[in-house]
Amino acid sequence: MKRYFSGLLALVLVVVIGLTGCAGNSTSGLTGNYRQDTLALVDGLRKAIQLPDNAPDKTTVQSTTRQLINDFAALYRRDSSIAKSSSFTTMRTALNSLAGHYSSYPNRPLPEKLKSRLEQELKQVETALNREA
């Protein structure tokens, strides 16, 4: 009887973990459409970059942006057709720069030099997306 219950428990755990792990609910808002997700991320990054240094919700925006960066990278870096595109490589450069600043200097404002570089890279991403479409 004990063997029966342990086997049943193992089966139930496998089913529960399998179903919750396969649920396609994305809390980040990413849809799986690379072009749409990239443009949405570009808009979100611009808002985060242009946020004033004394904004009351700065830490919330930073943590949300970091989560969105991680979700975007996790979703698209393994797709070889996307990973080879110029829009993706440029986007990863911008994301790495911003994430690096948030990790190293979480309480410091973004330097103007980094802001201008990020804006330039985001424009390049938009241009590359228009070319690739």
N, C-alpha and C. Protein backbone atom coordinates (compact mmCIF):
# COMPACT_ATOMS: atom_id res chain seq x y z
N MET A 1 0.81 -1.19 0.00
CA MET A 1 0.00 0.00 0.00
C MET A 1 0.86 1.26 0.00
N LYS A 2 1.94 1.25 0.81
CA LYS A 2 2.84 2.40 0.88
C LYS A 2 3.49 2.63 -0.48
N ARG A 3 3.84 1.57 -1.15
CA ARG A 3 4.46 1.66 -2.47
C ARG A 3 3.49 2.27 -3.48
N TYR A 4 2.22 1.92 -3.36
CA TYR A 4 1.19 2.44 -4.25
C TYR A 4 1.05 3.96 -4.06
N PHE A 5 1.00 4.42 -2.80
CA PHE A 5 0.85 5.84 -2.53
C PHE A 5 2.07 6.65 -2.96
N SER A 6 3.26 6.10 -2.77
CA SER A 6 4.46 6.83 -3.18
C SER A 6 4.52 6.95 -4.71
N GLY A 7 4.11 5.91 -5.41
CA GLY A 7 4.05 5.97 -6.87
C GLY A 7 3.00 6.97 -7.35
N LEU A 8 1.85 6.98 -6.69
CA LEU A 8 0.79 7.92 -7.05
C LEU A 8 1.23 9.36 -6.77
N LEU A 9 1.90 9.58 -5.65
CA LEU A 9 2.39 10.90 -5.31
C LEU A 9 3.41 11.38 -6.35
N ALA A 10 4.31 10.49 -6.75
CA ALA A 10 5.30 10.84 -7.76
C ALA A 10 4.63 11.21 -9.08
N LEU A 11 3.61 10.45 -9.46
CA LEU A 11 2.89 10.74 -10.70
C LEU A 11 2.18 12.09 -10.62
N VAL A 12 1.54 12.38 -9.50
CA VAL A 12 0.85 13.65 -9.33
C VAL A 12 1.85 14.81 -9.39
N LEU A 13 3.00 14.67 -8.75
CA LEU A 13 4.01 15.72 -8.77
C LEU A 13 4.52 15.97 -10.19
N VAL A 14 4.76 14.91 -10.94
CA VAL A 14 5.23 15.04 -12.32
C VAL A 14 4.18 15.78 -13.16
N VAL A 15 2.92 15.43 -12.99
CA VAL A 15 1.86 16.08 -13.76
C VAL A 15 1.74 17.55 -13.37
N VAL A 16 1.77 17.86 -12.09
CA VAL A 16 1.64 19.25 -11.64
C VAL A 16 2.82 20.09 -12.13
N ILE A 17 4.03 19.59 -11.98
CA ILE A 17 5.20 20.32 -12.43
C ILE A 17 5.19 20.46 -13.94
N GLY A 18 4.80 19.43 -14.64
CA GLY A 18 4.72 19.50 -16.09
C GLY A 18 3.71 20.51 -16.58
N LEU A 19 2.56 20.57 -15.94
CA LEU A 19 1.53 21.52 -16.37
C LEU A 19 1.89 22.96 -16.01
N THR A 20 2.44 23.18 -14.85
CA THR A 20 2.80 24.55 -14.48
C THR A 20 4.03 25.02 -15.25
N GLY A 21 4.92 24.14 -15.56
CA GLY A 21 6.11 24.50 -16.32
C GLY A 21 5.79 24.78 -17.78
N CYS A 22 4.74 24.19 -18.30
CA CYS A 22 4.37 24.37 -19.70
C CYS A 22 3.36 25.47 -19.90
N ALA A 23 2.93 26.10 -18.86
CA ALA A 23 1.94 27.17 -19.00
C ALA A 23 2.58 28.32 -19.76
N GLY A 24 1.92 28.81 -20.77
CA GLY A 24 2.48 29.85 -21.62
C GLY A 24 2.20 31.25 -21.14
N ASN A 25 1.82 31.42 -19.90
CA ASN A 25 1.52 32.75 -19.39
C ASN A 25 2.80 33.51 -19.16
N SER A 26 2.96 34.60 -19.85
CA SER A 26 4.15 35.42 -19.72
C SER A 26 3.82 36.64 -18.88
N THR A 27 4.53 36.81 -17.79
CA THR A 27 4.28 37.97 -16.94
C THR A 27 4.98 39.21 -17.50
N SER A 28 5.90 39.02 -18.43
CA SER A 28 6.65 40.15 -18.96
C SER A 28 5.92 40.87 -20.07
N GLY A 29 4.91 40.26 -20.63
CA GLY A 29 4.18 40.89 -21.73
C GLY A 29 4.76 40.57 -23.09
N LEU A 30 5.77 39.72 -23.16
CA LEU A 30 6.34 39.33 -24.45
C LEU A 30 5.39 38.36 -25.14
N THR A 31 5.20 38.57 -26.43
CA THR A 31 4.21 37.80 -27.17
C THR A 31 4.79 36.63 -27.94
N GLY A 32 6.08 36.65 -28.21
CA GLY A 32 6.69 35.63 -29.06
C GLY A 32 6.88 36.12 -30.48
N ASN A 33 6.31 37.27 -30.81
CA ASN A 33 6.52 37.92 -32.11
C ASN A 33 7.73 38.84 -31.94
N TYR A 34 8.86 38.46 -32.56
CA TYR A 34 10.12 39.16 -32.32
C TYR A 34 10.03 40.63 -32.65
N ARG A 35 9.49 40.95 -33.79
CA ARG A 35 9.42 42.37 -34.21
C ARG A 35 8.59 43.19 -33.22
N GLN A 36 7.43 42.70 -32.87
CA GLN A 36 6.54 43.40 -31.95
C GLN A 36 7.17 43.52 -30.56
N ASP A 37 7.77 42.44 -30.08
CA ASP A 37 8.40 42.47 -28.76
C ASP A 37 9.59 43.43 -28.73
N THR A 38 10.36 43.46 -29.80
CA THR A 38 11.53 44.33 -29.85
C THR A 38 11.11 45.80 -29.85
N LEU A 39 10.09 46.13 -30.65
CA LEU A 39 9.62 47.52 -30.67
C LEU A 39 9.03 47.93 -29.32
N ALA A 40 8.33 47.02 -28.66
CA ALA A 40 7.78 47.31 -27.34
C ALA A 40 8.91 47.50 -26.33
N LEU A 41 9.95 46.69 -26.43
CA LEU A 41 11.09 46.82 -25.53
C LEU A 41 11.83 48.13 -25.78
N VAL A 42 11.97 48.52 -27.04
CA VAL A 42 12.62 49.80 -27.37
C VAL A 42 11.85 50.95 -26.72
N ASP A 43 10.52 50.92 -26.81
CA ASP A 43 9.72 51.97 -26.18
C ASP A 43 9.89 51.97 -24.67
N GLY A 44 9.89 50.79 -24.06
CA GLY A 44 10.08 50.68 -22.62
C GLY A 44 11.45 51.17 -22.18
N LEU A 45 12.48 50.85 -22.97
CA LEU A 45 13.83 51.30 -22.62
C LEU A 45 13.95 52.82 -22.74
N ARG A 46 13.32 53.38 -23.75
CA ARG A 46 13.36 54.85 -23.90
C ARG A 46 12.72 55.53 -22.69
N LYS A 47 11.61 54.98 -22.23
CA LYS A 47 10.96 55.55 -21.05
C LYS A 47 11.87 55.46 -19.82
N ALA A 48 12.53 54.31 -19.67
CA ALA A 48 13.43 54.13 -18.53
C ALA A 48 14.64 55.05 -18.62
N ILE A 49 15.15 55.26 -19.83
CA ILE A 49 16.32 56.11 -20.01
C ILE A 49 15.97 57.58 -19.75
N GLN A 50 14.78 58.01 -20.18
CA GLN A 50 14.39 59.40 -20.06
C GLN A 50 13.79 59.73 -18.69
N LEU A 51 13.68 58.75 -17.83
CA LEU A 51 13.12 58.97 -16.49
C LEU A 51 14.02 59.92 -15.70
N PRO A 52 13.44 60.96 -15.08
CA PRO A 52 14.27 61.88 -14.29
C PRO A 52 14.92 61.15 -13.11
N ASP A 53 16.07 61.68 -12.71
CA ASP A 53 16.83 61.04 -11.62
C ASP A 53 16.09 61.05 -10.29
N ASN A 54 15.23 62.03 -10.09
CA ASN A 54 14.54 62.14 -8.81
C ASN A 54 13.11 61.59 -8.88
N ALA A 55 12.81 60.77 -9.87
CA ALA A 55 11.47 60.20 -10.01
C ALA A 55 11.19 59.25 -8.85
N PRO A 56 9.99 59.30 -8.28
CA PRO A 56 9.68 58.45 -7.12
C PRO A 56 9.62 56.96 -7.46
N ASP A 57 9.30 56.62 -8.69
CA ASP A 57 9.18 55.22 -9.07
C ASP A 57 10.40 54.70 -9.84
N LYS A 58 11.53 55.35 -9.63
CA LYS A 58 12.75 54.99 -10.36
C LYS A 58 13.19 53.55 -10.08
N THR A 59 13.18 53.13 -8.83
CA THR A 59 13.61 51.77 -8.52
C THR A 59 12.66 50.73 -9.10
N THR A 60 11.39 51.03 -9.12
CA THR A 60 10.41 50.12 -9.70
C THR A 60 10.63 49.99 -11.20
N VAL A 61 10.85 51.11 -11.86
CA VAL A 61 11.09 51.10 -13.31
C VAL A 61 12.37 50.35 -13.62
N GLN A 62 13.41 50.55 -12.83
CA GLN A 62 14.67 49.84 -13.04
C GLN A 62 14.49 48.34 -12.89
N SER A 63 13.80 47.90 -11.86
CA SER A 63 13.63 46.46 -11.66
C SER A 63 12.74 45.86 -12.75
N THR A 64 11.72 46.59 -13.18
CA THR A 64 10.87 46.11 -14.26
C THR A 64 11.66 46.01 -15.56
N THR A 65 12.48 47.01 -15.81
CA THR A 65 13.31 47.01 -17.02
C THR A 65 14.29 45.85 -17.00
N ARG A 66 14.91 45.61 -15.87
CA ARG A 66 15.87 44.49 -15.78
C ARG A 66 15.16 43.16 -16.03
N GLN A 67 13.96 43.00 -15.50
CA GLN A 67 13.21 41.76 -15.71
C GLN A 67 12.84 41.61 -17.18
N LEU A 68 12.44 42.69 -17.80
CA LEU A 68 12.09 42.65 -19.22
C LEU A 68 13.31 42.32 -20.08
N ILE A 69 14.45 42.87 -19.73
CA ILE A 69 15.70 42.56 -20.44
C ILE A 69 16.00 41.07 -20.33
N ASN A 70 15.91 40.53 -19.13
CA ASN A 70 16.18 39.10 -18.92
C ASN A 70 15.20 38.22 -19.68
N ASP A 71 13.92 38.58 -19.64
CA ASP A 71 12.91 37.78 -20.35
C ASP A 71 13.12 37.83 -21.86
N PHE A 72 13.43 38.99 -22.38
CA PHE A 72 13.68 39.15 -23.82
C PHE A 72 14.88 38.30 -24.25
N ALA A 73 15.96 38.40 -23.50
CA ALA A 73 17.17 37.64 -23.84
C ALA A 73 16.91 36.13 -23.76
N ALA A 74 16.20 35.71 -22.72
CA ALA A 74 15.93 34.28 -22.55
C ALA A 74 15.04 33.74 -23.66
N LEU A 75 14.12 34.56 -24.15
CA LEU A 75 13.18 34.11 -25.16
C LEU A 75 13.81 34.01 -26.54
N TYR A 76 14.68 34.95 -26.88
CA TYR A 76 15.15 35.04 -28.27
C TYR A 76 16.60 34.63 -28.52
N ARG A 77 17.42 34.48 -27.51
CA ARG A 77 18.83 34.21 -27.79
C ARG A 77 19.09 32.82 -28.36
N ARG A 78 18.19 31.88 -28.15
CA ARG A 78 18.42 30.52 -28.65
C ARG A 78 17.88 30.29 -30.06
N ASP A 79 17.13 31.25 -30.57
CA ASP A 79 16.59 31.15 -31.93
C ASP A 79 17.67 31.63 -32.90
N SER A 80 18.28 30.70 -33.62
CA SER A 80 19.43 31.05 -34.46
C SER A 80 19.07 32.02 -35.58
N SER A 81 17.86 31.95 -36.10
CA SER A 81 17.50 32.88 -37.17
C SER A 81 17.40 34.31 -36.64
N ILE A 82 17.00 34.47 -35.42
CA ILE A 82 16.90 35.80 -34.82
C ILE A 82 18.26 36.24 -34.28
N ALA A 83 18.97 35.33 -33.66
CA ALA A 83 20.25 35.68 -33.03
C ALA A 83 21.28 36.17 -34.04
N LYS A 84 21.12 35.81 -35.30
CA LYS A 84 22.06 36.24 -36.34
C LYS A 84 21.69 37.59 -36.93
N SER A 85 20.51 38.08 -36.65
CA SER A 85 20.06 39.33 -37.27
C SER A 85 20.77 40.53 -36.64
N SER A 86 20.95 41.56 -37.45
CA SER A 86 21.65 42.75 -36.95
C SER A 86 20.82 43.48 -35.89
N SER A 87 19.50 43.41 -36.02
CA SER A 87 18.67 44.07 -35.01
C SER A 87 18.86 43.43 -33.65
N PHE A 88 18.97 42.09 -33.61
CA PHE A 88 19.13 41.40 -32.33
C PHE A 88 20.50 41.67 -31.72
N THR A 89 21.55 41.63 -32.52
CA THR A 89 22.88 41.84 -31.97
C THR A 89 23.04 43.28 -31.45
N THR A 90 22.47 44.24 -32.18
CA THR A 90 22.52 45.62 -31.71
C THR A 90 21.69 45.79 -30.45
N MET A 91 20.53 45.14 -30.42
CA MET A 91 19.67 45.22 -29.24
C MET A 91 20.38 44.61 -28.03
N ARG A 92 21.05 43.50 -28.22
CA ARG A 92 21.78 42.88 -27.11
C ARG A 92 22.89 43.79 -26.59
N THR A 93 23.54 44.51 -27.49
CA THR A 93 24.57 45.45 -27.07
C THR A 93 23.97 46.53 -26.17
N ALA A 94 22.83 47.08 -26.59
CA ALA A 94 22.16 48.11 -25.80
C ALA A 94 21.69 47.54 -24.46
N LEU A 95 21.10 46.35 -24.49
CA LEU A 95 20.60 45.73 -23.26
C LEU A 95 21.73 45.44 -22.28
N ASN A 96 22.84 44.95 -22.80
CA ASN A 96 23.99 44.65 -21.93
C ASN A 96 24.54 45.92 -21.29
N SER A 97 24.57 47.01 -22.05
CA SER A 97 25.06 48.27 -21.51
C SER A 97 24.18 48.76 -20.38
N LEU A 98 22.87 48.75 -20.61
CA LEU A 98 21.94 49.24 -19.60
C LEU A 98 21.91 48.32 -18.37
N ALA A 99 21.87 47.01 -18.61
CA ALA A 99 21.86 46.06 -17.49
C ALA A 99 23.16 46.15 -16.69
N GLY A 100 24.27 46.36 -17.36
CA GLY A 100 25.55 46.51 -16.67
C GLY A 100 25.56 47.73 -15.78
N HIS A 101 24.99 48.83 -16.26
CA HIS A 101 24.93 50.04 -15.43
C HIS A 101 24.02 49.81 -14.22
N TYR A 102 22.86 49.19 -14.46
CA TYR A 102 21.94 48.93 -13.35
C TYR A 102 22.56 48.00 -12.32
N SER A 103 23.39 47.05 -12.76
CA SER A 103 24.02 46.12 -11.82
C SER A 103 25.17 46.78 -11.06
N SER A 104 25.98 47.54 -11.76
CA SER A 104 27.17 48.14 -11.14
C SER A 104 26.86 49.39 -10.34
N TYR A 105 25.95 50.20 -10.86
CA TYR A 105 25.66 51.49 -10.23
C TYR A 105 24.14 51.68 -10.05
N PRO A 106 23.51 50.89 -9.21
CA PRO A 106 22.05 50.95 -9.10
C PRO A 106 21.51 52.28 -8.57
N ASN A 107 22.30 53.01 -7.80
CA ASN A 107 21.82 54.26 -7.20
C ASN A 107 22.27 55.50 -7.97
N ARG A 108 23.06 55.31 -9.00
CA ARG A 108 23.56 56.45 -9.76
C ARG A 108 22.70 56.66 -11.00
N PRO A 109 22.56 57.91 -11.42
CA PRO A 109 21.81 58.17 -12.65
C PRO A 109 22.61 57.72 -13.88
N LEU A 110 21.89 57.52 -14.96
CA LEU A 110 22.56 57.16 -16.21
C LEU A 110 23.38 58.35 -16.71
N PRO A 111 24.64 58.15 -17.05
CA PRO A 111 25.43 59.25 -17.61
C PRO A 111 24.89 59.66 -18.98
N GLU A 112 25.06 60.91 -19.32
CA GLU A 112 24.58 61.41 -20.61
C GLU A 112 25.22 60.67 -21.78
N LYS A 113 26.47 60.32 -21.63
CA LYS A 113 27.17 59.59 -22.69
C LYS A 113 26.50 58.24 -22.95
N LEU A 114 26.13 57.54 -21.87
CA LEU A 114 25.45 56.25 -22.01
C LEU A 114 24.05 56.44 -22.59
N LYS A 115 23.36 57.49 -22.15
CA LYS A 115 22.02 57.75 -22.69
C LYS A 115 22.07 57.98 -24.19
N SER A 116 23.02 58.79 -24.64
CA SER A 116 23.10 59.08 -26.08
C SER A 116 23.50 57.83 -26.87
N ARG A 117 24.39 57.04 -26.30
CA ARG A 117 24.79 55.80 -26.98
C ARG A 117 23.62 54.82 -27.07
N LEU A 118 22.86 54.70 -25.99
CA LEU A 118 21.69 53.82 -26.00
C LEU A 118 20.65 54.30 -27.01
N GLU A 119 20.43 55.59 -27.07
CA GLU A 119 19.46 56.14 -28.02
C GLU A 119 19.90 55.87 -29.46
N GLN A 120 21.20 56.00 -29.71
CA GLN A 120 21.73 55.71 -31.05
C GLN A 120 21.54 54.24 -31.40
N GLU A 121 21.81 53.36 -30.46
CA GLU A 121 21.66 51.93 -30.71
C GLU A 121 20.19 51.55 -30.89
N LEU A 122 19.30 52.17 -30.14
CA LEU A 122 17.87 51.88 -30.29
C LEU A 122 17.37 52.34 -31.66
N LYS A 123 17.89 53.45 -32.16
CA LYS A 123 17.53 53.89 -33.52
C LYS A 123 18.04 52.89 -34.55
N GLN A 124 19.25 52.37 -34.33
CA GLN A 124 19.80 51.36 -35.24
C GLN A 124 18.95 50.10 -35.23
N VAL A 125 18.44 49.72 -34.07
CA VAL A 125 17.58 48.54 -33.96
C VAL A 125 16.31 48.76 -34.78
N GLU A 126 15.71 49.93 -34.63
CA GLU A 126 14.48 50.22 -35.39
C GLU A 126 14.74 50.21 -36.89
N THR A 127 15.86 50.78 -37.30
CA THR A 127 16.23 50.79 -38.72
C THR A 127 16.43 49.37 -39.23
N ALA A 128 17.13 48.56 -38.45
CA ALA A 128 17.39 47.17 -38.85
C ALA A 128 16.08 46.38 -38.92
N LEU A 129 15.17 46.61 -37.99
CA LEU A 129 13.88 45.92 -38.03
C LEU A 129 13.09 46.29 -39.28
N ASN A 130 13.14 47.56 -39.66
CA ASN A 130 12.44 47.99 -40.87
C ASN A 130 13.06 47.37 -42.12
N ARG A 131 14.38 47.23 -42.12
CA ARG A 131 15.07 46.61 -43.25
C ARG A 131 14.77 45.12 -43.35
N GLU A 132 14.71 44.45 -42.18
CA GLU A 132 14.50 43.01 -42.15
C GLU A 132 13.05 42.62 -42.44
N ALA A 133 12.13 43.56 -42.31
CA ALA A 133 10.71 43.23 -42.49
C ALA A 133 10.35 42.99 -43.95
